[in-house]
Amino acid sequence: MIITMNYTSVDELKNAWIFKHKSLPISDSDKAKIKPMVASRAKMLWDANISKQVDHPDFFKKGDWPENSSSWTDNGKWETIWDSETEALPELILEHLKWDNNTVIYYCTARDNVIETTWAVFKRCWKNFLFMDDGAILIAKKRKEATQFLSTGYFKVGHKAQ
């Protein structure tokens, strides 16, 4: 019997330091729920939910829903809140993503780099995730809402194409 592994450990990420940063500690129970996908599984999720054409947010083009301005309904600034003592995500994101705490979410930074966790864990650890802010897209299982975090310090909220 062949068992395929869909996840790798946080410690095996090339940028694992973001989840070990001393100024942003993560509990062991939350760390156990942060599940980086192996490249083959990440590629399947990216192709099905983000883009079949490109492998990174920098290269979205016509035909990719994130490139379509009508996918996005509003935007705001995340960086000033990230730099502050405030622990909560920006209010606009929380208002837009009305997901249950146990909703499975995917933080998609590239075709081969997708991290799965729950909405509750992401809300507690978002500052760690945002060390990877280069166009990362946050989506959830069986949900249409989406958020994209840009390296400019801004984010966009909207809906992904089905």
N, C-alpha and C. Protein backbone atom coordinates (compact mmCIF):
# COMPACT_ATOMS: atom_id res chain seq x y z
N MET A 1 0.83 -1.18 0.00
CA MET A 1 0.00 0.00 0.00
C MET A 1 0.88 1.25 0.00
N ILE A 2 0.59 2.17 -0.92
CA ILE A 2 1.35 3.40 -1.03
C ILE A 2 0.58 4.52 -0.34
N ILE A 3 1.25 5.20 0.57
CA ILE A 3 0.64 6.31 1.28
C ILE A 3 1.29 7.59 0.75
N THR A 4 0.47 8.50 0.25
CA THR A 4 1.02 9.76 -0.22
C THR A 4 0.88 10.80 0.87
N MET A 5 1.90 11.55 1.05
CA MET A 5 1.91 12.60 2.06
C MET A 5 1.50 13.91 1.39
N ASN A 6 0.55 14.59 1.95
CA ASN A 6 0.10 15.86 1.40
C ASN A 6 0.77 17.06 2.06
N TYR A 7 1.41 16.84 3.22
CA TYR A 7 1.98 17.95 3.98
C TYR A 7 3.42 17.65 4.39
N THR A 8 4.12 18.71 4.67
CA THR A 8 5.45 18.62 5.24
C THR A 8 5.41 19.40 6.57
N SER A 9 6.44 19.33 7.35
CA SER A 9 6.42 20.05 8.63
C SER A 9 6.82 21.51 8.42
N VAL A 10 6.37 22.35 9.32
CA VAL A 10 6.73 23.76 9.29
C VAL A 10 8.25 23.90 9.29
N ASP A 11 8.93 23.04 10.03
CA ASP A 11 10.39 23.12 10.13
C ASP A 11 11.10 22.87 8.81
N GLU A 12 10.42 22.24 7.87
CA GLU A 12 11.04 21.94 6.57
C GLU A 12 10.84 23.06 5.55
N LEU A 13 10.07 24.08 5.89
CA LEU A 13 9.91 25.22 4.99
C LEU A 13 11.23 25.95 4.83
N LYS A 14 11.48 26.49 3.63
CA LYS A 14 12.73 27.23 3.43
C LYS A 14 12.75 28.50 4.28
N ASN A 15 11.56 29.02 4.60
CA ASN A 15 11.47 30.21 5.45
C ASN A 15 10.78 29.87 6.78
N ALA A 16 11.16 28.76 7.35
CA ALA A 16 10.55 28.30 8.61
C ALA A 16 10.72 29.31 9.74
N TRP A 17 11.72 30.17 9.65
CA TRP A 17 11.97 31.16 10.69
C TRP A 17 10.75 32.04 10.96
N ILE A 18 9.87 32.24 9.97
CA ILE A 18 8.72 33.12 10.17
C ILE A 18 7.77 32.57 11.23
N PHE A 19 7.80 31.27 11.43
CA PHE A 19 6.95 30.65 12.46
C PHE A 19 7.70 30.39 13.75
N LYS A 20 8.96 30.86 13.82
CA LYS A 20 9.77 30.68 15.02
C LYS A 20 10.30 32.02 15.54
N HIS A 21 9.85 33.10 14.95
CA HIS A 21 10.34 34.43 15.29
C HIS A 21 10.06 34.73 16.76
N LYS A 22 11.10 35.09 17.50
CA LYS A 22 10.97 35.31 18.94
C LYS A 22 9.97 36.42 19.29
N SER A 23 9.84 37.43 18.45
CA SER A 23 8.93 38.53 18.76
C SER A 23 7.47 38.18 18.44
N LEU A 24 7.25 37.08 17.71
CA LEU A 24 5.89 36.64 17.37
C LEU A 24 5.74 35.15 17.67
N PRO A 25 5.77 34.79 18.96
CA PRO A 25 5.71 33.36 19.31
C PRO A 25 4.37 32.72 18.93
N ILE A 26 4.45 31.46 18.56
CA ILE A 26 3.27 30.67 18.21
C ILE A 26 3.21 29.48 19.15
N SER A 27 2.03 29.20 19.68
CA SER A 27 1.90 28.06 20.58
C SER A 27 2.15 26.76 19.82
N ASP A 28 2.56 25.74 20.54
CA ASP A 28 2.80 24.43 19.91
C ASP A 28 1.53 23.89 19.28
N SER A 29 0.38 24.12 19.91
CA SER A 29 -0.87 23.60 19.35
C SER A 29 -1.21 24.31 18.04
N ASP A 30 -0.96 25.62 17.96
CA ASP A 30 -1.19 26.33 16.69
C ASP A 30 -0.17 25.89 15.64
N LYS A 31 1.08 25.76 16.04
CA LYS A 31 2.13 25.36 15.09
C LYS A 31 1.79 24.00 14.47
N ALA A 32 1.21 23.12 15.27
CA ALA A 32 0.84 21.79 14.76
C ALA A 32 -0.27 21.86 13.71
N LYS A 33 -1.04 22.95 13.73
CA LYS A 33 -2.14 23.12 12.78
C LYS A 33 -1.74 23.92 11.54
N ILE A 34 -0.49 24.36 11.47
CA ILE A 34 0.03 25.06 10.30
C ILE A 34 0.70 24.00 9.44
N LYS A 35 0.05 23.68 8.30
CA LYS A 35 0.47 22.53 7.51
C LYS A 35 0.87 22.94 6.08
N PRO A 36 2.18 23.11 5.86
CA PRO A 36 2.64 23.40 4.51
C PRO A 36 2.39 22.18 3.61
N MET A 37 1.87 22.43 2.42
CA MET A 37 1.60 21.34 1.49
C MET A 37 2.88 20.96 0.76
N VAL A 38 3.01 19.66 0.45
CA VAL A 38 4.10 19.25 -0.43
C VAL A 38 3.83 19.89 -1.79
N ALA A 39 4.88 20.06 -2.60
CA ALA A 39 4.76 20.79 -3.86
C ALA A 39 3.69 20.23 -4.78
N SER A 40 3.57 18.92 -4.87
CA SER A 40 2.58 18.34 -5.78
C SER A 40 1.15 18.67 -5.35
N ARG A 41 0.87 18.64 -4.06
CA ARG A 41 -0.45 18.97 -3.54
C ARG A 41 -0.71 20.48 -3.67
N ALA A 42 0.30 21.30 -3.39
CA ALA A 42 0.17 22.75 -3.53
C ALA A 42 -0.16 23.11 -4.98
N LYS A 43 0.51 22.46 -5.92
CA LYS A 43 0.28 22.73 -7.34
C LYS A 43 -1.17 22.41 -7.72
N MET A 44 -1.70 21.31 -7.24
CA MET A 44 -3.09 20.95 -7.54
C MET A 44 -4.05 22.01 -7.01
N LEU A 45 -3.85 22.46 -5.78
CA LEU A 45 -4.73 23.46 -5.19
C LEU A 45 -4.59 24.80 -5.94
N TRP A 46 -3.36 25.21 -6.23
CA TRP A 46 -3.12 26.46 -6.96
C TRP A 46 -3.79 26.41 -8.33
N ASP A 47 -3.58 25.33 -9.06
CA ASP A 47 -4.15 25.22 -10.41
C ASP A 47 -5.68 25.24 -10.37
N ALA A 48 -6.28 24.63 -9.37
CA ALA A 48 -7.73 24.56 -9.27
C ALA A 48 -8.36 25.85 -8.75
N ASN A 49 -7.62 26.63 -7.94
CA ASN A 49 -8.22 27.78 -7.26
C ASN A 49 -7.60 29.14 -7.55
N ILE A 50 -6.38 29.16 -8.07
CA ILE A 50 -5.70 30.43 -8.27
C ILE A 50 -5.43 30.68 -9.76
N SER A 51 -4.59 29.85 -10.39
CA SER A 51 -4.24 30.06 -11.79
C SER A 51 -3.65 28.79 -12.41
N LYS A 52 -4.09 28.50 -13.62
CA LYS A 52 -3.47 27.41 -14.38
C LYS A 52 -2.34 27.95 -15.26
N GLN A 53 -2.22 29.29 -15.33
CA GLN A 53 -1.29 29.91 -16.27
C GLN A 53 0.05 30.29 -15.67
N VAL A 54 0.05 30.72 -14.42
CA VAL A 54 1.26 31.27 -13.82
C VAL A 54 1.55 30.61 -12.47
N ASP A 55 2.80 30.73 -12.03
CA ASP A 55 3.18 30.06 -10.78
C ASP A 55 3.42 31.02 -9.62
N HIS A 56 3.21 32.32 -9.84
CA HIS A 56 3.45 33.30 -8.77
C HIS A 56 2.54 34.51 -8.99
N PRO A 57 2.08 35.15 -7.92
CA PRO A 57 1.21 36.32 -8.05
C PRO A 57 1.79 37.46 -8.89
N ASP A 58 3.10 37.57 -8.96
CA ASP A 58 3.72 38.63 -9.76
C ASP A 58 3.38 38.51 -11.24
N PHE A 59 2.96 37.33 -11.67
CA PHE A 59 2.80 37.08 -13.10
C PHE A 59 1.36 36.85 -13.54
N PHE A 60 0.37 37.15 -12.67
CA PHE A 60 -1.02 36.98 -13.08
C PHE A 60 -1.26 37.72 -14.39
N LYS A 61 -2.10 37.13 -15.23
CA LYS A 61 -2.43 37.76 -16.51
C LYS A 61 -3.89 37.54 -16.84
N LYS A 62 -4.31 38.11 -17.94
CA LYS A 62 -5.71 38.01 -18.37
C LYS A 62 -6.14 36.54 -18.34
N GLY A 63 -7.29 36.30 -17.75
CA GLY A 63 -7.79 34.93 -17.61
C GLY A 63 -7.62 34.41 -16.19
N ASP A 64 -6.75 35.03 -15.40
CA ASP A 64 -6.58 34.67 -13.99
C ASP A 64 -7.53 35.56 -13.18
N TRP A 65 -8.38 34.95 -12.35
CA TRP A 65 -9.34 35.76 -11.60
C TRP A 65 -8.68 36.82 -10.72
N PRO A 66 -7.49 36.56 -10.12
CA PRO A 66 -6.90 37.63 -9.29
C PRO A 66 -6.49 38.86 -10.11
N GLU A 67 -6.28 38.69 -11.41
CA GLU A 67 -5.89 39.80 -12.27
C GLU A 67 -7.09 40.66 -12.66
N ASN A 68 -8.28 40.12 -12.55
CA ASN A 68 -9.50 40.81 -12.94
C ASN A 68 -9.91 41.79 -11.85
N SER A 69 -9.92 43.07 -12.17
CA SER A 69 -10.24 44.09 -11.16
C SER A 69 -11.64 43.90 -10.58
N SER A 70 -12.55 43.28 -11.32
CA SER A 70 -13.90 43.08 -10.79
C SER A 70 -13.95 42.00 -9.71
N SER A 71 -12.87 41.25 -9.54
CA SER A 71 -12.80 40.26 -8.46
C SER A 71 -12.65 40.93 -7.10
N TRP A 72 -12.15 42.16 -7.10
CA TRP A 72 -11.82 42.85 -5.86
C TRP A 72 -12.81 43.98 -5.59
N THR A 73 -13.32 44.03 -4.37
CA THR A 73 -14.35 45.00 -4.03
C THR A 73 -13.86 46.14 -3.14
N ASP A 74 -12.75 45.95 -2.45
CA ASP A 74 -12.26 46.98 -1.54
C ASP A 74 -10.79 46.70 -1.23
N ASN A 75 -10.14 47.66 -0.60
CA ASN A 75 -8.74 47.46 -0.20
C ASN A 75 -8.45 48.28 1.04
N GLY A 76 -7.31 47.99 1.62
CA GLY A 76 -6.90 48.69 2.82
C GLY A 76 -5.42 48.48 3.07
N LYS A 77 -4.94 49.00 4.16
CA LYS A 77 -3.51 48.90 4.50
C LYS A 77 -3.34 47.93 5.67
N TRP A 78 -2.51 46.92 5.49
CA TRP A 78 -2.25 45.96 6.57
C TRP A 78 -0.97 46.30 7.33
N GLU A 79 -0.03 46.94 6.66
CA GLU A 79 1.32 47.09 7.23
C GLU A 79 1.35 47.92 8.51
N THR A 80 0.57 48.99 8.59
CA THR A 80 0.59 49.82 9.80
C THR A 80 0.05 49.04 11.00
N ILE A 81 -0.94 48.20 10.78
CA ILE A 81 -1.47 47.36 11.86
C ILE A 81 -0.46 46.27 12.22
N TRP A 82 0.20 45.69 11.22
CA TRP A 82 1.23 44.67 11.43
C TRP A 82 2.35 45.23 12.31
N ASP A 83 2.72 46.48 12.06
CA ASP A 83 3.81 47.12 12.81
C ASP A 83 3.39 47.57 14.21
N SER A 84 2.10 47.57 14.48
CA SER A 84 1.60 48.08 15.76
C SER A 84 1.50 46.94 16.79
N GLU A 85 1.04 47.30 17.97
CA GLU A 85 0.81 46.31 19.03
C GLU A 85 -0.53 45.59 18.86
N THR A 86 -1.35 46.06 17.92
CA THR A 86 -2.65 45.44 17.66
C THR A 86 -2.45 44.01 17.19
N GLU A 87 -3.20 43.08 17.78
CA GLU A 87 -3.05 41.67 17.41
C GLU A 87 -4.04 41.24 16.33
N ALA A 88 -5.16 41.93 16.22
CA ALA A 88 -6.20 41.52 15.29
C ALA A 88 -5.88 41.95 13.86
N LEU A 89 -6.37 41.15 12.93
CA LEU A 89 -6.29 41.50 11.52
C LEU A 89 -7.01 42.83 11.28
N PRO A 90 -6.70 43.52 10.18
CA PRO A 90 -7.44 44.74 9.86
C PRO A 90 -8.95 44.47 9.82
N GLU A 91 -9.72 45.41 10.34
CA GLU A 91 -11.17 45.26 10.48
C GLU A 91 -11.86 44.93 9.15
N LEU A 92 -11.42 45.54 8.07
CA LEU A 92 -12.04 45.29 6.77
C LEU A 92 -11.92 43.81 6.36
N ILE A 93 -10.79 43.20 6.68
CA ILE A 93 -10.61 41.77 6.38
C ILE A 93 -11.55 40.94 7.23
N LEU A 94 -11.63 41.24 8.50
CA LEU A 94 -12.52 40.49 9.40
C LEU A 94 -13.99 40.65 9.00
N GLU A 95 -14.37 41.84 8.53
CA GLU A 95 -15.74 42.06 8.08
C GLU A 95 -16.04 41.28 6.80
N HIS A 96 -15.03 41.19 5.94
CA HIS A 96 -15.22 40.51 4.65
C HIS A 96 -15.20 38.99 4.79
N LEU A 97 -14.29 38.48 5.59
CA LEU A 97 -14.11 37.03 5.74
C LEU A 97 -14.87 36.57 6.99
N LYS A 98 -16.13 36.38 6.87
CA LYS A 98 -16.97 35.95 8.01
C LYS A 98 -16.99 34.42 8.09
N TRP A 99 -15.82 33.86 8.21
CA TRP A 99 -15.68 32.42 8.24
C TRP A 99 -15.74 31.91 9.69
N ASP A 100 -16.23 30.68 9.86
CA ASP A 100 -16.19 30.03 11.16
C ASP A 100 -14.73 29.78 11.52
N ASN A 101 -14.44 29.74 12.81
CA ASN A 101 -13.06 29.54 13.26
C ASN A 101 -12.45 28.24 12.75
N ASN A 102 -13.27 27.20 12.54
CA ASN A 102 -12.72 25.91 12.10
C ASN A 102 -12.67 25.78 10.58
N THR A 103 -13.00 26.84 9.84
CA THR A 103 -12.91 26.82 8.38
C THR A 103 -11.47 26.55 7.96
N VAL A 104 -11.28 25.61 7.04
CA VAL A 104 -9.95 25.32 6.50
C VAL A 104 -9.60 26.43 5.51
N ILE A 105 -8.43 27.04 5.72
CA ILE A 105 -7.99 28.12 4.84
C ILE A 105 -6.66 27.74 4.19
N TYR A 106 -6.38 28.42 3.07
CA TYR A 106 -5.14 28.19 2.32
C TYR A 106 -4.46 29.54 2.09
N TYR A 107 -3.21 29.62 2.52
CA TYR A 107 -2.39 30.81 2.29
C TYR A 107 -1.48 30.48 1.12
N CYS A 108 -1.77 31.07 -0.03
CA CYS A 108 -1.13 30.69 -1.29
C CYS A 108 -0.13 31.75 -1.72
N THR A 109 1.16 31.43 -1.64
CA THR A 109 2.18 32.39 -2.03
C THR A 109 2.78 32.10 -3.40
N ALA A 110 2.69 30.86 -3.84
CA ALA A 110 3.19 30.45 -5.15
C ALA A 110 2.64 29.06 -5.45
N ARG A 111 2.74 28.65 -6.70
CA ARG A 111 2.20 27.35 -7.11
C ARG A 111 2.75 26.21 -6.24
N ASP A 112 3.99 26.32 -5.81
CA ASP A 112 4.60 25.24 -5.01
C ASP A 112 4.67 25.57 -3.52
N ASN A 113 3.96 26.65 -3.10
CA ASN A 113 4.03 27.05 -1.70
C ASN A 113 2.64 27.47 -1.21
N VAL A 114 1.91 26.51 -0.67
CA VAL A 114 0.59 26.74 -0.11
C VAL A 114 0.60 26.18 1.31
N ILE A 115 0.07 26.95 2.24
CA ILE A 115 0.00 26.50 3.63
C ILE A 115 -1.46 26.40 4.03
N GLU A 116 -1.81 25.26 4.60
CA GLU A 116 -3.17 25.02 5.08
C GLU A 116 -3.20 25.18 6.60
N THR A 117 -4.26 25.81 7.07
CA THR A 117 -4.49 25.90 8.51
C THR A 117 -5.98 26.18 8.72
N THR A 118 -6.34 26.60 9.91
CA THR A 118 -7.74 26.99 10.14
C THR A 118 -7.81 28.51 10.23
N TRP A 119 -9.00 29.03 10.07
CA TRP A 119 -9.22 30.47 10.16
C TRP A 119 -8.82 30.98 11.55
N ALA A 120 -9.13 30.23 12.59
CA ALA A 120 -8.77 30.65 13.95
C ALA A 120 -7.25 30.77 14.11
N VAL A 121 -6.52 29.78 13.62
CA VAL A 121 -5.05 29.82 13.72
C VAL A 121 -4.50 30.98 12.89
N PHE A 122 -5.00 31.15 11.68
CA PHE A 122 -4.52 32.26 10.84
C PHE A 122 -4.76 33.60 11.54
N LYS A 123 -5.93 33.80 12.12
CA LYS A 123 -6.22 35.07 12.80
C LYS A 123 -5.24 35.32 13.94
N ARG A 124 -4.84 34.26 14.65
CA ARG A 124 -3.89 34.43 15.76
C ARG A 124 -2.46 34.64 15.27
N CYS A 125 -2.12 34.07 14.12
CA CYS A 125 -0.73 34.05 13.65
C CYS A 125 -0.52 34.84 12.37
N TRP A 126 -1.45 35.70 12.00
CA TRP A 126 -1.39 36.39 10.71
C TRP A 126 -0.11 37.19 10.53
N LYS A 127 0.42 37.73 11.61
CA LYS A 127 1.64 38.53 11.48
C LYS A 127 2.82 37.66 11.05
N ASN A 128 2.85 36.41 11.49
CA ASN A 128 3.89 35.49 11.04
C ASN A 128 3.73 35.21 9.54
N PHE A 129 2.52 34.89 9.13
CA PHE A 129 2.26 34.61 7.72
C PHE A 129 2.64 35.80 6.83
N LEU A 130 2.40 37.01 7.34
CA LEU A 130 2.62 38.20 6.52
C LEU A 130 4.09 38.55 6.31
N PHE A 131 4.99 37.76 6.89
CA PHE A 131 6.39 37.89 6.47
C PHE A 131 6.48 37.50 5.00
N MET A 132 5.52 36.68 4.53
CA MET A 132 5.42 36.28 3.11
C MET A 132 4.25 37.07 2.53
N ASP A 133 4.53 38.30 2.12
CA ASP A 133 3.47 39.21 1.69
C ASP A 133 3.52 39.55 0.21
N ASP A 134 4.24 38.80 -0.54
CA ASP A 134 4.49 39.13 -1.94
C ASP A 134 3.32 38.69 -2.84
N GLY A 135 2.15 39.27 -2.58
CA GLY A 135 0.99 38.93 -3.39
C GLY A 135 0.22 37.72 -2.92
N ALA A 136 0.54 37.22 -1.74
CA ALA A 136 -0.11 36.01 -1.22
C ALA A 136 -1.62 36.16 -1.22
N ILE A 137 -2.31 35.08 -1.56
CA ILE A 137 -3.76 35.07 -1.60
C ILE A 137 -4.28 34.10 -0.54
N LEU A 138 -5.23 34.59 0.24
CA LEU A 138 -5.88 33.80 1.29
C LEU A 138 -7.27 33.41 0.79
N ILE A 139 -7.49 32.10 0.72
CA ILE A 139 -8.79 31.57 0.32
C ILE A 139 -9.18 30.50 1.32
N ALA A 140 -10.42 30.06 1.25
CA ALA A 140 -10.89 29.02 2.17
C ALA A 140 -11.62 27.94 1.39
N LYS A 141 -11.61 26.76 1.98
CA LYS A 141 -12.29 25.61 1.40
C LYS A 141 -13.79 25.90 1.29
N LYS A 142 -14.33 25.69 0.10
CA LYS A 142 -15.77 25.85 -0.17
C LYS A 142 -16.29 27.25 0.13
N ARG A 143 -15.43 28.26 0.02
CA ARG A 143 -15.83 29.65 0.22
C ARG A 143 -15.38 30.46 -0.99
N LYS A 144 -16.11 31.53 -1.30
CA LYS A 144 -15.75 32.34 -2.46
C LYS A 144 -14.95 33.59 -2.09
N GLU A 145 -14.99 34.00 -0.82
CA GLU A 145 -14.27 35.19 -0.40
C GLU A 145 -12.76 34.97 -0.50
N ALA A 146 -12.05 36.08 -0.77
CA ALA A 146 -10.59 36.01 -0.89
C ALA A 146 -9.98 37.32 -0.43
N THR A 147 -8.72 37.25 -0.03
CA THR A 147 -7.94 38.43 0.31
C THR A 147 -6.56 38.25 -0.30
N GLN A 148 -6.01 39.32 -0.83
CA GLN A 148 -4.64 39.29 -1.35
C GLN A 148 -3.82 40.31 -0.58
N PHE A 149 -2.65 39.86 -0.10
CA PHE A 149 -1.73 40.72 0.64
C PHE A 149 -0.58 41.13 -0.27
N LEU A 150 -0.41 42.42 -0.44
CA LEU A 150 0.60 42.94 -1.35
C LEU A 150 1.81 43.45 -0.58
N SER A 151 2.98 43.36 -1.20
CA SER A 151 4.21 43.80 -0.55
C SER A 151 4.27 45.32 -0.38
N THR A 152 3.30 46.03 -0.97
CA THR A 152 3.21 47.48 -0.79
C THR A 152 2.66 47.85 0.57
N GLY A 153 2.19 46.84 1.34
CA GLY A 153 1.58 47.10 2.63
C GLY A 153 0.08 47.19 2.56
N TYR A 154 -0.47 47.00 1.37
CA TYR A 154 -1.92 47.04 1.17
C TYR A 154 -2.48 45.64 0.97
N PHE A 155 -3.79 45.51 1.12
CA PHE A 155 -4.48 44.25 0.83
C PHE A 155 -5.72 44.57 0.01
N LYS A 156 -6.23 43.55 -0.66
CA LYS A 156 -7.47 43.65 -1.42
C LYS A 156 -8.40 42.55 -0.92
N VAL A 157 -9.69 42.85 -0.83
CA VAL A 157 -10.69 41.84 -0.50
C VAL A 157 -11.65 41.72 -1.68
N GLY A 158 -12.13 40.50 -1.88
CA GLY A 158 -13.05 40.28 -2.98
C GLY A 158 -13.52 38.84 -3.01
N HIS A 159 -13.80 38.38 -4.22
CA HIS A 159 -14.35 37.02 -4.40
C HIS A 159 -13.62 36.34 -5.55
N LYS A 160 -13.25 35.09 -5.31
CA LYS A 160 -12.57 34.34 -6.37
C LYS A 160 -13.59 33.78 -7.34
N ALA A 161 -13.14 33.61 -8.55
CA ALA A 161 -13.99 33.01 -9.59
C ALA A 161 -14.18 31.53 -9.26
N GLN A 162 -15.35 31.04 -9.52
CA GLN A 162 -15.62 29.62 -9.23
C GLN A 162 -15.32 28.75 -10.42
